[in-house]
Each structure stands twice: as structure tokens, then as C-alpha cells.
Amino acid sequence: MSNENHIKIVKGNGEVILISDNFRKVTVKGSVKRIRHKESMVLRMLIESYPNQVSRKGLSDSIWGTTYVFDETINQTVKNLRIALEDKTKEIISTIPRFGYCLGAKPYHNREVKKISHARLKMEIRNLRAV
């Protein structure tokens, strides 16, 4: 996966998960995995909504539209996504009982990572000049 356009999620143990800019590939522990279209749409919604919660109705309306969706369909889609992300502890995708889901770890877009790195570099240069 190109390092130019991706989203990075860092788990509590320091493990980094990379998500492609089209949300169709995830890299976990160096292994690239393709995810299905509906799974990628759920992931995109959770990332774009971070840190807010996403209701099951919101997922259903946005992703499946006017098609009737059983709760089990949403459950299975989230389960498949968790398997792809190796999220056994539900740290990345948290379930909000009787409501929906939320992303449990902050997503960093590549441009944000670059801004942080650039800001740190400027600060370090300032500190060196002060000495």
C-alpha cells in the first residue's frame, strides 16, 4: 500500500493499521487485506464521523439506502470488518449498546501526519537556534 495516501490508526499497544484512501484495503501487521464494498463504506462512515457515534439506522440509511436491512446484516458486516482489522477486543470499532458503533481510536490522515512532523521539525529548529 502506498504511504502517500492512507489513513493510520494506532492501537493502544502501538500497533499501526493502515487504511487505503479508497477504504478497500487495510494493512495489519504487514499483511494487506481487501475488504468488501459494504465493509469499506462502514469503515469510511466511522472514520468520517470520528469521534461521534454512528447509529445503526444511520448506517442502514446511508449504506443500504431504501433496501430493508436486517440487524444481522449490519452485525455481520461489522464482524467481518473487525476480523479484517484484527480487532478481537473491539478497541477499534466499539459497540454502543442499542444504538450503533463508534471508532475507538483516532484516525490520522496522511496530511495530518505530515503537518505534525513539520510542526515538530520547526519547533526543534527553534530550540536549536535558542542554544
C-alpha atoms as a PDB file:
ATOM      1  CA  MET A   1       0.000   0.000   0.000  1.00  0.00           C
ATOM      2  CA  SER A   2       1.350   3.421  -0.904  1.00  0.00           C
ATOM      3  CA  ASN A   3       2.440   5.520   2.033  1.00  0.00           C
ATOM      4  CA  GLU A   4       1.355   8.646   0.159  1.00  0.00           C
ATOM      5  CA  ASN A   5      -2.409   8.347   0.606  1.00  0.00           C
ATOM      6  CA  HIS A   6      -3.596   6.427   3.608  1.00  0.00           C
ATOM      7  CA  ILE A   7      -5.224   6.726   6.975  1.00  0.00           C
ATOM      8  CA  LYS A   8      -3.395   5.472  10.009  1.00  0.00           C
ATOM      9  CA  ILE A   9      -4.956   4.141  13.197  1.00  0.00           C
ATOM     10  CA  VAL A  10      -2.701   3.419  16.155  1.00  0.00           C
ATOM     11  CA  LYS A  11      -3.982   0.886  18.657  1.00  0.00           C
ATOM     12  CA  GLY A  12      -3.278   1.181  22.386  1.00  0.00           C
ATOM     13  CA  ASN A  13      -0.427  -1.339  22.117  1.00  0.00           C
ATOM     14  CA  GLY A  14       1.283   0.806  19.461  1.00  0.00           C
ATOM     15  CA  GLU A  15       0.284  -1.430  16.552  1.00  0.00           C
ATOM     16  CA  VAL A  16      -0.378   0.601  13.399  1.00  0.00           C
ATOM     17  CA  ILE A  17      -3.188  -0.164  10.976  1.00  0.00           C
ATOM     18  CA  LEU A  18      -3.065   1.474   7.548  1.00  0.00           C
ATOM     19  CA  ILE A  19      -6.234   2.038   5.539  1.00  0.00           C
ATOM     20  CA  SER A  20      -6.053   2.874   1.839  1.00  0.00           C
ATOM     21  CA  ASP A  21      -7.517   6.172   0.679  1.00  0.00           C
ATOM     22  CA  ASN A  22     -10.354   4.302  -1.083  1.00  0.00           C
ATOM     23  CA  PHE A  23     -11.067   2.307   2.132  1.00  0.00           C
ATOM     24  CA  ARG A  24     -10.855  -1.029   0.247  1.00  0.00           C
ATOM     25  CA  LYS A  25      -7.514  -2.262   1.654  1.00  0.00           C
ATOM     26  CA  VAL A  26      -6.246  -2.463   5.209  1.00  0.00           C
ATOM     27  CA  THR A  27      -2.728  -3.347   6.308  1.00  0.00           C
ATOM     28  CA  VAL A  28      -2.444  -5.082   9.668  1.00  0.00           C
ATOM     29  CA  LYS A  29       0.888  -6.466  10.916  1.00  0.00           C
ATOM     30  CA  GLY A  30       2.341  -6.060   7.428  1.00  0.00           C
ATOM     31  CA  SER A  31      -0.435  -8.084   5.786  1.00  0.00           C
ATOM     32  CA  VAL A  32      -2.584  -6.309   3.178  1.00  0.00           C
ATOM     33  CA  LYS A  33      -6.236  -7.380   3.168  1.00  0.00           C
ATOM     34  CA  ARG A  34      -9.015  -6.401   0.780  1.00  0.00           C
ATOM     35  CA  ILE A  35     -12.373  -5.692   2.343  1.00  0.00           C
ATOM     36  CA  ARG A  36     -15.815  -5.839   0.743  1.00  0.00           C
ATOM     37  CA  HIS A  37     -17.586  -2.755  -0.517  1.00  0.00           C
ATOM     38  CA  LYS A  38     -20.164  -2.528   2.305  1.00  0.00           C
ATOM     39  CA  GLU A  39     -17.427  -3.079   4.916  1.00  0.00           C
ATOM     40  CA  SER A  40     -15.392  -0.270   3.371  1.00  0.00           C
ATOM     41  CA  MET A  41     -18.442   2.001   3.478  1.00  0.00           C
ATOM     42  CA  VAL A  42     -18.994   1.249   7.190  1.00  0.00           C
ATOM     43  CA  LEU A  43     -15.309   1.918   7.876  1.00  0.00           C
ATOM     44  CA  ARG A  44     -15.442   5.196   5.940  1.00  0.00           C
ATOM     45  CA  MET A  45     -18.533   6.321   7.862  1.00  0.00           C
ATOM     46  CA  LEU A  46     -16.922   5.532  11.217  1.00  0.00           C
ATOM     47  CA  ILE A  47     -13.710   7.361  10.268  1.00  0.00           C
ATOM     48  CA  GLU A  48     -15.530  10.402   8.877  1.00  0.00           C
ATOM     49  CA  SER A  49     -17.776  10.539  11.961  1.00  0.00           C
ATOM     50  CA  TYR A  50     -14.946  10.208  14.498  1.00  0.00           C
ATOM     51  CA  PRO A  51     -15.212  10.866  17.463  1.00  0.00           C
ATOM     52  CA  ASN A  52     -19.009  10.742  17.179  1.00  0.00           C
ATOM     53  CA  GLN A  53     -21.145   7.628  17.320  1.00  0.00           C
ATOM     54  CA  VAL A  54     -22.890   6.253  14.241  1.00  0.00           C
ATOM     55  CA  SER A  55     -26.358   4.811  14.723  1.00  0.00           C
ATOM     56  CA  ARG A  56     -27.403   1.512  13.181  1.00  0.00           C
ATOM     57  CA  LYS A  57     -30.192   3.450  11.424  1.00  0.00           C
ATOM     58  CA  GLY A  58     -27.610   5.902  10.086  1.00  0.00           C
ATOM     59  CA  LEU A  59     -25.532   3.018   8.726  1.00  0.00           C
ATOM     60  CA  SER A  60     -28.607   1.380   7.236  1.00  0.00           C
ATOM     61  CA  ASP A  61     -29.887   4.567   5.584  1.00  0.00           C
ATOM     62  CA  SER A  62     -26.502   5.704   4.263  1.00  0.00           C
ATOM     63  CA  ILE A  63     -25.128   2.375   3.098  1.00  0.00           C
ATOM     64  CA  TRP A  64     -28.118   0.219   2.156  1.00  0.00           C
ATOM     65  CA  GLY A  65     -30.470   3.077   1.270  1.00  0.00           C
ATOM     66  CA  THR A  66     -34.087   2.094   0.748  1.00  0.00           C
ATOM     67  CA  THR A  67     -33.315  -1.648   0.846  1.00  0.00           C
ATOM     68  CA  TYR A  68     -34.617  -3.289   4.005  1.00  0.00           C
ATOM     69  CA  VAL A  69     -31.678  -4.433   6.152  1.00  0.00           C
ATOM     70  CA  PHE A  70     -31.844  -6.963   8.968  1.00  0.00           C
ATOM     71  CA  ASP A  71     -29.890  -6.215  12.145  1.00  0.00           C
ATOM     72  CA  GLU A  72     -27.933  -9.392  11.458  1.00  0.00           C
ATOM     73  CA  THR A  73     -26.709  -7.935   8.150  1.00  0.00           C
ATOM     74  CA  ILE A  74     -25.207  -4.929   9.924  1.00  0.00           C
ATOM     75  CA  ASN A  75     -23.821  -7.166  12.693  1.00  0.00           C
ATOM     76  CA  GLN A  76     -22.150  -9.463  10.154  1.00  0.00           C
ATOM     77  CA  THR A  77     -20.705  -6.553   8.172  1.00  0.00           C
ATOM     78  CA  VAL A  78     -19.148  -5.079  11.331  1.00  0.00           C
ATOM     79  CA  LYS A  79     -17.947  -8.534  12.402  1.00  0.00           C
ATOM     80  CA  ASN A  80     -16.212  -9.062   9.032  1.00  0.00           C
ATOM     81  CA  LEU A  81     -14.630  -5.627   9.313  1.00  0.00           C
ATOM     82  CA  ARG A  82     -13.358  -6.391  12.823  1.00  0.00           C
ATOM     83  CA  ILE A  83     -11.872  -9.656  11.541  1.00  0.00           C
ATOM     84  CA  ALA A  84     -10.042  -7.799   8.743  1.00  0.00           C
ATOM     85  CA  LEU A  85      -8.738  -5.212  11.253  1.00  0.00           C
ATOM     86  CA  GLU A  86      -7.856  -7.985  13.733  1.00  0.00           C
ATOM     87  CA  ASP A  87      -9.950  -6.129  16.303  1.00  0.00           C
ATOM     88  CA  LYS A  88     -10.762  -9.011  18.673  1.00  0.00           C
ATOM     89  CA  THR A  89     -11.002  -6.712  21.715  1.00  0.00           C
ATOM     90  CA  LYS A  90     -13.280  -4.235  19.906  1.00  0.00           C
ATOM     91  CA  GLU A  91     -10.758  -1.465  20.540  1.00  0.00           C
ATOM     92  CA  ILE A  92     -11.021  -0.027  17.034  1.00  0.00           C
ATOM     93  CA  ILE A  93     -14.754  -0.470  16.461  1.00  0.00           C
ATOM     94  CA  SER A  94     -16.696  -0.106  19.693  1.00  0.00           C
ATOM     95  CA  THR A  95     -20.300  -1.221  20.017  1.00  0.00           C
ATOM     96  CA  ILE A  96     -22.687   1.265  21.601  1.00  0.00           C
ATOM     97  CA  PRO A  97     -25.446  -0.975  23.014  1.00  0.00           C
ATOM     98  CA  ARG A  98     -28.893  -0.383  21.493  1.00  0.00           C
ATOM     99  CA  PHE A  99     -27.537   2.431  19.335  1.00  0.00           C
ATOM    100  CA  GLY A 100     -24.698   1.636  16.961  1.00  0.00           C
ATOM    101  CA  TYR A 101     -20.934   1.913  16.747  1.00  0.00           C
ATOM    102  CA  CYS A 102     -18.036   4.316  17.051  1.00  0.00           C
ATOM    103  CA  LEU A 103     -14.371   4.340  16.189  1.00  0.00           C
ATOM    104  CA  GLY A 104     -12.389   3.794  19.377  1.00  0.00           C
ATOM    105  CA  ALA A 105      -9.034   5.053  18.073  1.00  0.00           C
ATOM    106  CA  LYS A 106      -8.281   8.372  16.381  1.00  0.00           C
ATOM    107  CA  PRO A 107      -7.715   8.116  12.633  1.00  0.00           C
ATOM    108  CA  TYR A 108      -4.770  10.116  11.270  1.00  0.00           C
ATOM    109  CA  HIS A 109      -4.882  11.145   7.639  1.00  0.00           C
ATOM    110  CA  ASN A 110      -1.502  11.251   5.908  1.00  0.00           C
ATOM    111  CA  ARG A 111      -1.692  15.050   5.543  1.00  0.00           C
ATOM    112  CA  GLU A 112      -2.220  15.375   9.333  1.00  0.00           C
ATOM    113  CA  VAL A 113       0.823  13.192   9.996  1.00  0.00           C
ATOM    114  CA  LYS A 114       2.877  15.418   7.682  1.00  0.00           C
ATOM    115  CA  LYS A 115       1.644  18.568   9.468  1.00  0.00           C
ATOM    116  CA  ILE A 116       2.565  17.141  12.857  1.00  0.00           C
ATOM    117  CA  SER A 117       6.005  16.133  11.617  1.00  0.00           C
ATOM    118  CA  HIS A 118       6.582  19.566  10.064  1.00  0.00           C
ATOM    119  CA  ALA A 119       5.480  21.354  13.248  1.00  0.00           C
ATOM    120  CA  ARG A 120       7.820  19.241  15.355  1.00  0.00           C
ATOM    121  CA  LEU A 121      10.670  19.950  12.961  1.00  0.00           C
ATOM    122  CA  LYS A 122      10.063  23.710  13.198  1.00  0.00           C
ATOM    123  CA  MET A 123       9.992  23.502  16.990  1.00  0.00           C
ATOM    124  CA  GLU A 124      13.257  21.575  17.066  1.00  0.00           C
ATOM    125  CA  ILE A 125      14.911  24.125  14.780  1.00  0.00           C
ATOM    126  CA  ARG A 126      13.712  26.946  17.064  1.00  0.00           C
ATOM    127  CA  ASN A 127      15.131  25.138  20.093  1.00  0.00           C
ATOM    128  CA  LEU A 128      18.494  24.661  18.372  1.00  0.00           C
ATOM    129  CA  ARG A 129      18.693  28.368  17.490  1.00  0.00           C
ATOM    130  CA  ALA A 130      17.951  29.323  21.102  1.00  0.00           C
ATOM    131  CA  VAL A 131      21.021  27.396  22.343  1.00  0.00           C
END
